[in-house]
Amino acid sequence: DKARNTLYLQLNSVRSEDTAVYYCAAG
């Protein structure tokens, strides 16, 4: 959402192996 300076990650059909700390990074 460029107007709100927000990045999203939609996670669907999650699995146990998706368990983690999720980080965003900018470059």
mmCIF file of all heavy atoms, coordinates in Angstrom:
data_MODEL
# 
_entry.id   MODEL 
# 
loop_
_atom_site.group_PDB 
_atom_site.id 
_atom_site.type_symbol 
_atom_site.label_atom_id 
_atom_site.label_alt_id 
_atom_site.label_comp_id 
_atom_site.label_asym_id 
_atom_site.label_entity_id 
_atom_site.label_seq_id 
_atom_site.pdbx_PDB_ins_code 
_atom_site.Cartn_x 
_atom_site.Cartn_y 
_atom_site.Cartn_z 
_atom_site.occupancy 
_atom_site.B_iso_or_equiv 
_atom_site.pdbx_formal_charge 
_atom_site.auth_seq_id 
_atom_site.auth_comp_id 
_atom_site.auth_asym_id 
_atom_site.auth_atom_id 
_atom_site.pdbx_PDB_model_num 
ATOM 1   N N   . ASP A 1 1  ? 0.877  -1.148  0.000  1.00 0.00 ? 1  ASP A N   1 
ATOM 2   C CA  . ASP A 1 1  ? 0.000  0.000   0.000  1.00 0.00 ? 1  ASP A CA  1 
ATOM 3   C C   . ASP A 1 1  ? 0.925  1.211   0.000  1.00 0.00 ? 1  ASP A C   1 
ATOM 4   O O   . ASP A 1 1  ? 1.425  1.618   1.045  1.00 0.00 ? 1  ASP A O   1 
ATOM 5   C CB  . ASP A 1 1  ? -0.925 0.006   1.211  1.00 0.00 ? 1  ASP A CB  1 
ATOM 6   C CG  . ASP A 1 1  ? -1.937 1.127   1.176  1.00 0.00 ? 1  ASP A CG  1 
ATOM 7   O OD1 . ASP A 1 1  ? -1.672 2.166   0.555  1.00 0.00 ? 1  ASP A OD1 1 
ATOM 8   O OD2 . ASP A 1 1  ? -3.015 0.966   1.782  1.00 0.00 ? 1  ASP A OD2 1 
ATOM 9   N N   . LYS A 1 2  ? 1.171  1.765   -1.181 1.00 0.00 ? 2  LYS A N   1 
ATOM 10  C CA  . LYS A 1 2  ? 2.149  2.841   -1.306 1.00 0.00 ? 2  LYS A CA  1 
ATOM 11  C C   . LYS A 1 2  ? 1.741  4.087   -0.531 1.00 0.00 ? 2  LYS A C   1 
ATOM 12  O O   . LYS A 1 2  ? 2.594  4.765   0.043  1.00 0.00 ? 2  LYS A O   1 
ATOM 13  C CB  . LYS A 1 2  ? 2.355  3.187   -2.783 1.00 0.00 ? 2  LYS A CB  1 
ATOM 14  C CG  . LYS A 1 2  ? 3.005  2.082   -3.597 1.00 0.00 ? 2  LYS A CG  1 
ATOM 15  C CD  . LYS A 1 2  ? 3.195  2.513   -5.039 1.00 0.00 ? 2  LYS A CD  1 
ATOM 16  C CE  . LYS A 1 2  ? 3.848  1.417   -5.861 1.00 0.00 ? 2  LYS A CE  1 
ATOM 17  N NZ  . LYS A 1 2  ? 4.024  1.829   -7.272 1.00 0.00 ? 2  LYS A NZ  1 
ATOM 18  N N   . ALA A 1 3  ? 0.458  4.395   -0.516 1.00 0.00 ? 3  ALA A N   1 
ATOM 19  C CA  . ALA A 1 3  ? -0.017 5.591   0.169  1.00 0.00 ? 3  ALA A CA  1 
ATOM 20  C C   . ALA A 1 3  ? 0.222  5.513   1.670  1.00 0.00 ? 3  ALA A C   1 
ATOM 21  O O   . ALA A 1 3  ? 0.415  6.542   2.322  1.00 0.00 ? 3  ALA A O   1 
ATOM 22  C CB  . ALA A 1 3  ? -1.495 5.819   -0.117 1.00 0.00 ? 3  ALA A CB  1 
ATOM 23  N N   . ARG A 1 4  ? 0.197  4.321   2.226  1.00 0.00 ? 4  ARG A N   1 
ATOM 24  C CA  . ARG A 1 4  ? 0.387  4.136   3.660  1.00 0.00 ? 4  ARG A CA  1 
ATOM 25  C C   . ARG A 1 4  ? 1.778  3.635   4.020  1.00 0.00 ? 4  ARG A C   1 
ATOM 26  O O   . ARG A 1 4  ? 2.040  3.348   5.186  1.00 0.00 ? 4  ARG A O   1 
ATOM 27  C CB  . ARG A 1 4  ? -0.659 3.168   4.198  1.00 0.00 ? 4  ARG A CB  1 
ATOM 28  C CG  . ARG A 1 4  ? -2.091 3.659   4.025  1.00 0.00 ? 4  ARG A CG  1 
ATOM 29  C CD  . ARG A 1 4  ? -3.093 2.632   4.501  1.00 0.00 ? 4  ARG A CD  1 
ATOM 30  N NE  . ARG A 1 4  ? -4.463 3.098   4.323  1.00 0.00 ? 4  ARG A NE  1 
ATOM 31  C CZ  . ARG A 1 4  ? -5.537 2.384   4.609  1.00 0.00 ? 4  ARG A CZ  1 
ATOM 32  N NH1 . ARG A 1 4  ? -5.409 1.156   5.093  1.00 0.00 ? 4  ARG A NH1 1 
ATOM 33  N NH2 . ARG A 1 4  ? -6.745 2.885   4.413  1.00 0.00 ? 4  ARG A NH2 1 
ATOM 34  N N   . ASN A 1 5  ? 2.672  3.535   3.028  1.00 0.00 ? 5  ASN A N   1 
ATOM 35  C CA  . ASN A 1 5  ? 4.031  3.038   3.247  1.00 0.00 ? 5  ASN A CA  1 
ATOM 36  C C   . ASN A 1 5  ? 4.025  1.703   3.994  1.00 0.00 ? 5  ASN A C   1 
ATOM 37  O O   . ASN A 1 5  ? 4.791  1.493   4.943  1.00 0.00 ? 5  ASN A O   1 
ATOM 38  C CB  . ASN A 1 5  ? 4.873  4.060   4.009  1.00 0.00 ? 5  ASN A CB  1 
ATOM 39  C CG  . ASN A 1 5  ? 5.445  5.136   3.121  1.00 0.00 ? 5  ASN A CG  1 
ATOM 40  O OD1 . ASN A 1 5  ? 5.420  5.031   1.899  1.00 0.00 ? 5  ASN A OD1 1 
ATOM 41  N ND2 . ASN A 1 5  ? 5.974  6.189   3.733  1.00 0.00 ? 5  ASN A ND2 1 
ATOM 42  N N   . THR A 1 6  ? 3.176  0.806   3.539  1.00 0.00 ? 6  THR A N   1 
ATOM 43  C CA  . THR A 1 6  ? 3.008  -0.471  4.216  1.00 0.00 ? 6  THR A CA  1 
ATOM 44  C C   . THR A 1 6  ? 3.234  -1.627  3.254  1.00 0.00 ? 6  THR A C   1 
ATOM 45  O O   . THR A 1 6  ? 2.699  -1.633  2.142  1.00 0.00 ? 6  THR A O   1 
ATOM 46  C CB  . THR A 1 6  ? 1.615  -0.588  4.840  1.00 0.00 ? 6  THR A CB  1 
ATOM 47  O OG1 . THR A 1 6  ? 1.402  0.502   5.744  1.00 0.00 ? 6  THR A OG1 1 
ATOM 48  C CG2 . THR A 1 6  ? 1.478  -1.894  5.605  1.00 0.00 ? 6  THR A CG2 1 
ATOM 49  N N   . LEU A 1 7  ? 4.013  -2.583  3.687  1.00 0.00 ? 7  LEU A N   1 
ATOM 50  C CA  . LEU A 1 7  ? 4.263  -3.825  2.970  1.00 0.00 ? 7  LEU A CA  1 
ATOM 51  C C   . LEU A 1 7  ? 3.495  -4.942  3.660  1.00 0.00 ? 7  LEU A C   1 
ATOM 52  O O   . LEU A 1 7  ? 3.459  -5.017  4.889  1.00 0.00 ? 7  LEU A O   1 
ATOM 53  C CB  . LEU A 1 7  ? 5.756  -4.141  2.965  1.00 0.00 ? 7  LEU A CB  1 
ATOM 54  C CG  . LEU A 1 7  ? 6.195  -5.421  2.249  1.00 0.00 ? 7  LEU A CG  1 
ATOM 55  C CD1 . LEU A 1 7  ? 6.164  -5.220  0.738  1.00 0.00 ? 7  LEU A CD1 1 
ATOM 56  C CD2 . LEU A 1 7  ? 7.591  -5.838  2.714  1.00 0.00 ? 7  LEU A CD2 1 
ATOM 57  N N   . TYR A 1 8  ? 2.896  -5.825  2.872  1.00 0.00 ? 8  TYR A N   1 
ATOM 58  C CA  . TYR A 1 8  ? 2.127  -6.941  3.409  1.00 0.00 ? 8  TYR A CA  1 
ATOM 59  C C   . TYR A 1 8  ? 2.683  -8.264  2.907  1.00 0.00 ? 8  TYR A C   1 
ATOM 60  O O   . TYR A 1 8  ? 3.246  -8.353  1.821  1.00 0.00 ? 8  TYR A O   1 
ATOM 61  C CB  . TYR A 1 8  ? 0.659  -6.853  3.000  1.00 0.00 ? 8  TYR A CB  1 
ATOM 62  C CG  . TYR A 1 8  ? -0.052 -5.615  3.462  1.00 0.00 ? 8  TYR A CG  1 
ATOM 63  C CD1 . TYR A 1 8  ? -0.249 -4.541  2.602  1.00 0.00 ? 8  TYR A CD1 1 
ATOM 64  C CD2 . TYR A 1 8  ? -0.529 -5.518  4.765  1.00 0.00 ? 8  TYR A CD2 1 
ATOM 65  C CE1 . TYR A 1 8  ? -0.905 -3.407  3.020  1.00 0.00 ? 8  TYR A CE1 1 
ATOM 66  C CE2 . TYR A 1 8  ? -1.187 -4.381  5.192  1.00 0.00 ? 8  TYR A CE2 1 
ATOM 67  C CZ  . TYR A 1 8  ? -1.378 -3.330  4.319  1.00 0.00 ? 8  TYR A CZ  1 
ATOM 68  O OH  . TYR A 1 8  ? -2.034 -2.201  4.741  1.00 0.00 ? 8  TYR A OH  1 
ATOM 69  N N   . LEU A 1 9  ? 2.484  -9.283  3.714  1.00 0.00 ? 9  LEU A N   1 
ATOM 70  C CA  . LEU A 1 9  ? 2.712  -10.650 3.282  1.00 0.00 ? 9  LEU A CA  1 
ATOM 71  C C   . LEU A 1 9  ? 1.489  -11.465 3.671  1.00 0.00 ? 9  LEU A C   1 
ATOM 72  O O   . LEU A 1 9  ? 1.212  -11.641 4.862  1.00 0.00 ? 9  LEU A O   1 
ATOM 73  C CB  . LEU A 1 9  ? 3.969  -11.255 3.910  1.00 0.00 ? 9  LEU A CB  1 
ATOM 74  C CG  . LEU A 1 9  ? 4.333  -12.653 3.421  1.00 0.00 ? 9  LEU A CG  1 
ATOM 75  C CD1 . LEU A 1 9  ? 4.801  -12.605 1.960  1.00 0.00 ? 9  LEU A CD1 1 
ATOM 76  C CD2 . LEU A 1 9  ? 5.416  -13.287 4.292  1.00 0.00 ? 9  LEU A CD2 1 
ATOM 77  N N   . GLN A 1 10 ? 0.753  -11.927 2.670  1.00 0.00 ? 10 GLN A N   1 
ATOM 78  C CA  . GLN A 1 10 ? -0.402 -12.781 2.891  1.00 0.00 ? 10 GLN A CA  1 
ATOM 79  C C   . GLN A 1 10 ? 0.057  -14.230 2.877  1.00 0.00 ? 10 GLN A C   1 
ATOM 80  O O   . GLN A 1 10 ? 0.603  -14.699 1.879  1.00 0.00 ? 10 GLN A O   1 
ATOM 81  C CB  . GLN A 1 10 ? -1.456 -12.544 1.808  1.00 0.00 ? 10 GLN A CB  1 
ATOM 82  C CG  . GLN A 1 10 ? -2.688 -13.430 1.916  1.00 0.00 ? 10 GLN A CG  1 
ATOM 83  C CD  . GLN A 1 10 ? -3.555 -13.065 3.095  1.00 0.00 ? 10 GLN A CD  1 
ATOM 84  O OE1 . GLN A 1 10 ? -3.714 -11.890 3.409  1.00 0.00 ? 10 GLN A OE1 1 
ATOM 85  N NE2 . GLN A 1 10 ? -4.115 -14.069 3.752  1.00 0.00 ? 10 GLN A NE2 1 
ATOM 86  N N   . LEU A 1 11 ? -0.160 -14.923 3.978  1.00 0.00 ? 11 LEU A N   1 
ATOM 87  C CA  . LEU A 1 11 ? 0.221  -16.320 4.105  1.00 0.00 ? 11 LEU A CA  1 
ATOM 88  C C   . LEU A 1 11 ? -1.039 -17.171 4.038  1.00 0.00 ? 11 LEU A C   1 
ATOM 89  O O   . LEU A 1 11 ? -1.904 -17.065 4.900  1.00 0.00 ? 11 LEU A O   1 
ATOM 90  C CB  . LEU A 1 11 ? 0.944  -16.599 5.416  1.00 0.00 ? 11 LEU A CB  1 
ATOM 91  C CG  . LEU A 1 11 ? 2.353  -16.041 5.639  1.00 0.00 ? 11 LEU A CG  1 
ATOM 92  C CD1 . LEU A 1 11 ? 2.340  -14.532 5.841  1.00 0.00 ? 11 LEU A CD1 1 
ATOM 93  C CD2 . LEU A 1 11 ? 2.984  -16.712 6.856  1.00 0.00 ? 11 LEU A CD2 1 
ATOM 94  N N   . ASN A 1 12 ? -1.143 -18.007 3.024  1.00 0.00 ? 12 ASN A N   1 
ATOM 95  C CA  . ASN A 1 12 ? -2.260 -18.923 2.870  1.00 0.00 ? 12 ASN A CA  1 
ATOM 96  C C   . ASN A 1 12 ? -1.778 -20.359 2.975  1.00 0.00 ? 12 ASN A C   1 
ATOM 97  O O   . ASN A 1 12 ? -0.629 -20.665 2.674  1.00 0.00 ? 12 ASN A O   1 
ATOM 98  C CB  . ASN A 1 12 ? -2.961 -18.710 1.525  1.00 0.00 ? 12 ASN A CB  1 
ATOM 99  C CG  . ASN A 1 12 ? -3.637 -17.371 1.408  1.00 0.00 ? 12 ASN A CG  1 
ATOM 100 O OD1 . ASN A 1 12 ? -4.068 -16.789 2.405  1.00 0.00 ? 12 ASN A OD1 1 
ATOM 101 N ND2 . ASN A 1 12 ? -3.757 -16.877 0.184  1.00 0.00 ? 12 ASN A ND2 1 
ATOM 102 N N   . SER A 1 13 ? -2.692 -21.233 3.379  1.00 0.00 ? 13 SER A N   1 
ATOM 103 C CA  . SER A 1 13 ? -2.387 -22.666 3.473  1.00 0.00 ? 13 SER A CA  1 
ATOM 104 C C   . SER A 1 13 ? -1.089 -22.916 4.232  1.00 0.00 ? 13 SER A C   1 
ATOM 105 O O   . SER A 1 13 ? -0.214 -23.648 3.774  1.00 0.00 ? 13 SER A O   1 
ATOM 106 C CB  . SER A 1 13 ? -2.322 -23.281 2.073  1.00 0.00 ? 13 SER A CB  1 
ATOM 107 O OG  . SER A 1 13 ? -3.529 -23.096 1.367  1.00 0.00 ? 13 SER A OG  1 
ATOM 108 N N   . VAL A 1 14 ? -0.971 -22.322 5.405  1.00 0.00 ? 14 VAL A N   1 
ATOM 109 C CA  . VAL A 1 14 ? 0.277  -22.400 6.149  1.00 0.00 ? 14 VAL A CA  1 
ATOM 110 C C   . VAL A 1 14 ? 0.549  -23.831 6.609  1.00 0.00 ? 14 VAL A C   1 
ATOM 111 O O   . VAL A 1 14 ? -0.370 -24.618 6.840  1.00 0.00 ? 14 VAL A O   1 
ATOM 112 C CB  . VAL A 1 14 ? 0.290  -21.441 7.348  1.00 0.00 ? 14 VAL A CB  1 
ATOM 113 C CG1 . VAL A 1 14 ? 0.248  -20.000 6.858  1.00 0.00 ? 14 VAL A CG1 1 
ATOM 114 C CG2 . VAL A 1 14 ? -0.861 -21.730 8.299  1.00 0.00 ? 14 VAL A CG2 1 
ATOM 115 N N   . ARG A 1 15 ? 1.814  -24.136 6.731  1.00 0.00 ? 15 ARG A N   1 
ATOM 116 C CA  . ARG A 1 15 ? 2.297  -25.438 7.165  1.00 0.00 ? 15 ARG A CA  1 
ATOM 117 C C   . ARG A 1 15 ? 3.175  -25.266 8.394  1.00 0.00 ? 15 ARG A C   1 
ATOM 118 O O   . ARG A 1 15 ? 3.636  -24.166 8.685  1.00 0.00 ? 15 ARG A O   1 
ATOM 119 C CB  . ARG A 1 15 ? 3.103  -26.102 6.046  1.00 0.00 ? 15 ARG A CB  1 
ATOM 120 C CG  . ARG A 1 15 ? 2.388  -26.174 4.714  1.00 0.00 ? 15 ARG A CG  1 
ATOM 121 C CD  . ARG A 1 15 ? 3.363  -26.447 3.592  1.00 0.00 ? 15 ARG A CD  1 
ATOM 122 N NE  . ARG A 1 15 ? 2.709  -26.511 2.290  1.00 0.00 ? 15 ARG A NE  1 
ATOM 123 C CZ  . ARG A 1 15 ? 3.345  -26.495 1.128  1.00 0.00 ? 15 ARG A CZ  1 
ATOM 124 N NH1 . ARG A 1 15 ? 4.672  -26.436 1.090  1.00 0.00 ? 15 ARG A NH1 1 
ATOM 125 N NH2 . ARG A 1 15 ? 2.658  -26.555 -0.003 1.00 0.00 ? 15 ARG A NH2 1 
ATOM 126 N N   . SER A 1 16 ? 3.431  -26.359 9.089  1.00 0.00 ? 16 SER A N   1 
ATOM 127 C CA  . SER A 1 16 ? 4.257  -26.287 10.283 1.00 0.00 ? 16 SER A CA  1 
ATOM 128 C C   . SER A 1 16 ? 5.651  -25.749 9.975  1.00 0.00 ? 16 SER A C   1 
ATOM 129 O O   . SER A 1 16 ? 6.242  -25.046 10.799 1.00 0.00 ? 16 SER A O   1 
ATOM 130 C CB  . SER A 1 16 ? 4.359  -27.653 10.958 1.00 0.00 ? 16 SER A CB  1 
ATOM 131 O OG  . SER A 1 16 ? 4.912  -28.621 10.083 1.00 0.00 ? 16 SER A OG  1 
ATOM 132 N N   . GLU A 1 17 ? 6.165  -26.033 8.794  1.00 0.00 ? 17 GLU A N   1 
ATOM 133 C CA  . GLU A 1 17 ? 7.487  -25.556 8.421  1.00 0.00 ? 17 GLU A CA  1 
ATOM 134 C C   . GLU A 1 17 ? 7.526  -24.057 8.138  1.00 0.00 ? 17 GLU A C   1 
ATOM 135 O O   . GLU A 1 17 ? 8.602  -23.495 7.927  1.00 0.00 ? 17 GLU A O   1 
ATOM 136 C CB  . GLU A 1 17 ? 8.040  -26.328 7.215  1.00 0.00 ? 17 GLU A CB  1 
ATOM 137 C CG  . GLU A 1 17 ? 7.139  -26.312 5.992  1.00 0.00 ? 17 GLU A CG  1 
ATOM 138 C CD  . GLU A 1 17 ? 6.283  -27.559 5.872  1.00 0.00 ? 17 GLU A CD  1 
ATOM 139 O OE1 . GLU A 1 17 ? 5.799  -28.050 6.912  1.00 0.00 ? 17 GLU A OE1 1 
ATOM 140 O OE2 . GLU A 1 17 ? 6.098  -28.042 4.739  1.00 0.00 ? 17 GLU A OE2 1 
ATOM 141 N N   . ASP A 1 18 ? 6.360  -23.398 8.124  1.00 0.00 ? 18 ASP A N   1 
ATOM 142 C CA  . ASP A 1 18 ? 6.317  -21.947 8.002  1.00 0.00 ? 18 ASP A CA  1 
ATOM 143 C C   . ASP A 1 18 ? 6.560  -21.250 9.332  1.00 0.00 ? 18 ASP A C   1 
ATOM 144 O O   . ASP A 1 18 ? 6.678  -20.021 9.373  1.00 0.00 ? 18 ASP A O   1 
ATOM 145 C CB  . ASP A 1 18 ? 4.973  -21.491 7.427  1.00 0.00 ? 18 ASP A CB  1 
ATOM 146 C CG  . ASP A 1 18 ? 4.749  -21.960 6.003  1.00 0.00 ? 18 ASP A CG  1 
ATOM 147 O OD1 . ASP A 1 18 ? 5.715  -21.963 5.211  1.00 0.00 ? 18 ASP A OD1 1 
ATOM 148 O OD2 . ASP A 1 18 ? 3.601  -22.315 5.676  1.00 0.00 ? 18 ASP A OD2 1 
ATOM 149 N N   . THR A 1 19 ? 6.616  -22.005 10.415 1.00 0.00 ? 19 THR A N   1 
ATOM 150 C CA  . THR A 1 19 ? 6.873  -21.430 11.725 1.00 0.00 ? 19 THR A CA  1 
ATOM 151 C C   . THR A 1 19 ? 8.241  -20.757 11.744 1.00 0.00 ? 19 THR A C   1 
ATOM 152 O O   . THR A 1 19 ? 9.256  -21.381 11.451 1.00 0.00 ? 19 THR A O   1 
ATOM 153 C CB  . THR A 1 19 ? 6.808  -22.506 12.811 1.00 0.00 ? 19 THR A CB  1 
ATOM 154 O OG1 . THR A 1 19 ? 5.471  -23.017 12.901 1.00 0.00 ? 19 THR A OG1 1 
ATOM 155 C CG2 . THR A 1 19 ? 7.212  -21.943 14.165 1.00 0.00 ? 19 THR A CG2 1 
ATOM 156 N N   . ALA A 1 20 ? 8.263  -19.473 12.081 1.00 0.00 ? 20 ALA A N   1 
ATOM 157 C CA  . ALA A 1 20 ? 9.502  -18.699 12.071 1.00 0.00 ? 20 ALA A CA  1 
ATOM 158 C C   . ALA A 1 20 ? 9.209  -17.284 12.544 1.00 0.00 ? 20 ALA A C   1 
ATOM 159 O O   . ALA A 1 20 ? 8.054  -16.875 12.653 1.00 0.00 ? 20 ALA A O   1 
ATOM 160 C CB  . ALA A 1 20 ? 10.110 -18.647 10.666 1.00 0.00 ? 20 ALA A CB  1 
ATOM 161 N N   . VAL A 1 21 ? 10.274 -16.544 12.820 1.00 0.00 ? 21 VAL A N   1 
ATOM 162 C CA  . VAL A 1 21 ? 10.170 -15.103 12.974 1.00 0.00 ? 21 VAL A CA  1 
ATOM 163 C C   . VAL A 1 21 ? 10.294 -14.492 11.588 1.00 0.00 ? 21 VAL A C   1 
ATOM 164 O O   . VAL A 1 21 ? 11.251 -14.768 10.866 1.00 0.00 ? 21 VAL A O   1 
ATOM 165 C CB  . VAL A 1 21 ? 11.253 -14.541 13.908 1.00 0.00 ? 21 VAL A CB  1 
ATOM 166 C CG1 . VAL A 1 21 ? 11.148 -13.017 13.987 1.00 0.00 ? 21 VAL A CG1 1 
ATOM 167 C CG2 . VAL A 1 21 ? 11.129 -15.153 15.298 1.00 0.00 ? 21 VAL A CG2 1 
ATOM 168 N N   . TYR A 1 22 ? 9.333  -13.669 11.227 1.00 0.00 ? 22 TYR A N   1 
ATOM 169 C CA  . TYR A 1 22 ? 9.306  -13.042 9.911  1.00 0.00 ? 22 TYR A CA  1 
ATOM 170 C C   . TYR A 1 22 ? 9.780  -11.604 10.021 1.00 0.00 ? 22 TYR A C   1 
ATOM 171 O O   . TYR A 1 22 ? 9.298  -10.843 10.866 1.00 0.00 ? 22 TYR A O   1 
ATOM 172 C CB  . TYR A 1 22 ? 7.899  -13.101 9.315  1.00 0.00 ? 22 TYR A CB  1 
ATOM 173 C CG  . TYR A 1 22 ? 7.535  -14.467 8.800  1.00 0.00 ? 22 TYR A CG  1 
ATOM 174 C CD1 . TYR A 1 22 ? 7.276  -15.511 9.681  1.00 0.00 ? 22 TYR A CD1 1 
ATOM 175 C CD2 . TYR A 1 22 ? 7.472  -14.726 7.433  1.00 0.00 ? 22 TYR A CD2 1 
ATOM 176 C CE1 . TYR A 1 22 ? 6.970  -16.779 9.211  1.00 0.00 ? 22 TYR A CE1 1 
ATOM 177 C CE2 . TYR A 1 22 ? 7.158  -15.978 6.952  1.00 0.00 ? 22 TYR A CE2 1 
ATOM 178 C CZ  . TYR A 1 22 ? 6.909  -17.004 7.849  1.00 0.00 ? 22 TYR A CZ  1 
ATOM 179 O OH  . TYR A 1 22 ? 6.593  -18.258 7.378  1.00 0.00 ? 22 TYR A OH  1 
ATOM 180 N N   . TYR A 1 23 ? 10.725 -11.229 9.154  1.00 0.00 ? 23 TYR A N   1 
ATOM 181 C CA  . TYR A 1 23 ? 11.321 -9.906  9.144  1.00 0.00 ? 23 TYR A CA  1 
ATOM 182 C C   . TYR A 1 23 ? 11.082 -9.225  7.802  1.00 0.00 ? 23 TYR A C   1 
ATOM 183 O O   . TYR A 1 23 ? 11.135 -9.869  6.761  1.00 0.00 ? 23 TYR A O   1 
ATOM 184 C CB  . TYR A 1 23 ? 12.838 -9.985  9.344  1.00 0.00 ? 23 TYR A CB  1 
ATOM 185 C CG  . TYR A 1 23 ? 13.294 -10.627 10.628 1.00 0.00 ? 23 TYR A CG  1 
ATOM 186 C CD1 . TYR A 1 23 ? 13.501 -11.997 10.703 1.00 0.00 ? 23 TYR A CD1 1 
ATOM 187 C CD2 . TYR A 1 23 ? 13.543 -9.856  11.758 1.00 0.00 ? 23 TYR A CD2 1 
ATOM 188 C CE1 . TYR A 1 23 ? 13.933 -12.593 11.874 1.00 0.00 ? 23 TYR A CE1 1 
ATOM 189 C CE2 . TYR A 1 23 ? 13.977 -10.447 12.927 1.00 0.00 ? 23 TYR A CE2 1 
ATOM 190 C CZ  . TYR A 1 23 ? 14.171 -11.811 12.982 1.00 0.00 ? 23 TYR A CZ  1 
ATOM 191 O OH  . TYR A 1 23 ? 14.609 -12.394 14.144 1.00 0.00 ? 23 TYR A OH  1 
ATOM 192 N N   . CYS A 1 24 ? 10.865 -7.921  7.825  1.00 0.00 ? 24 CYS A N   1 
ATOM 193 C CA  . CYS A 1 24 ? 10.920 -7.162  6.590  1.00 0.00 ? 24 CYS A CA  1 
ATOM 194 C C   . CYS A 1 24 ? 12.260 -6.445  6.506  1.00 0.00 ? 24 CYS A C   1 
ATOM 195 O O   . CYS A 1 24 ? 12.884 -6.128  7.521  1.00 0.00 ? 24 CYS A O   1 
ATOM 196 C CB  . CYS A 1 24 ? 9.751  -6.182  6.447  1.00 0.00 ? 24 CYS A CB  1 
ATOM 197 S SG  . CYS A 1 24 ? 9.644  -4.887  7.694  1.00 0.00 ? 24 CYS A SG  1 
ATOM 198 N N   . ALA A 1 25 ? 12.714 -6.224  5.286  1.00 0.00 ? 25 ALA A N   1 
ATOM 199 C CA  . ALA A 1 25 ? 14.002 -5.603  5.037  1.00 0.00 ? 25 ALA A CA  1 
ATOM 200 C C   . ALA A 1 25 ? 13.879 -4.638  3.871  1.00 0.00 ? 25 ALA A C   1 
ATOM 201 O O   . ALA A 1 25 ? 13.125 -4.895  2.927  1.00 0.00 ? 25 ALA A O   1 
ATOM 202 C CB  . ALA A 1 25 ? 15.064 -6.662  4.736  1.00 0.00 ? 25 ALA A CB  1 
ATOM 203 N N   . ALA A 1 26 ? 14.639 -3.541  3.920  1.00 0.00 ? 26 ALA A N   1 
ATOM 204 C CA  . ALA A 1 26 ? 14.555 -2.496  2.913  1.00 0.00 ? 26 ALA A CA  1 
ATOM 205 C C   . ALA A 1 26 ? 15.919 -2.218  2.304  1.00 0.00 ? 26 ALA A C   1 
ATOM 206 O O   . ALA A 1 26 ? 16.923 -2.142  3.018  1.00 0.00 ? 26 ALA A O   1 
ATOM 207 C CB  . ALA A 1 26 ? 13.991 -1.211  3.511  1.00 0.00 ? 26 ALA A CB  1 
ATOM 208 N N   . GLY A 1 27 ? 15.949 -2.049  0.998  1.00 0.00 ? 27 GLY A N   1 
ATOM 209 C CA  . GLY A 1 27 ? 17.162 -1.713  0.284  1.00 0.00 ? 27 GLY A CA  1 
ATOM 210 C C   . GLY A 1 27 ? 16.877 -0.765  -0.858 1.00 0.00 ? 27 GLY A C   1 
ATOM 211 O O   . GLY A 1 27 ? 15.723 -0.475  -1.169 1.00 0.00 ? 27 GLY A O   1 
# 
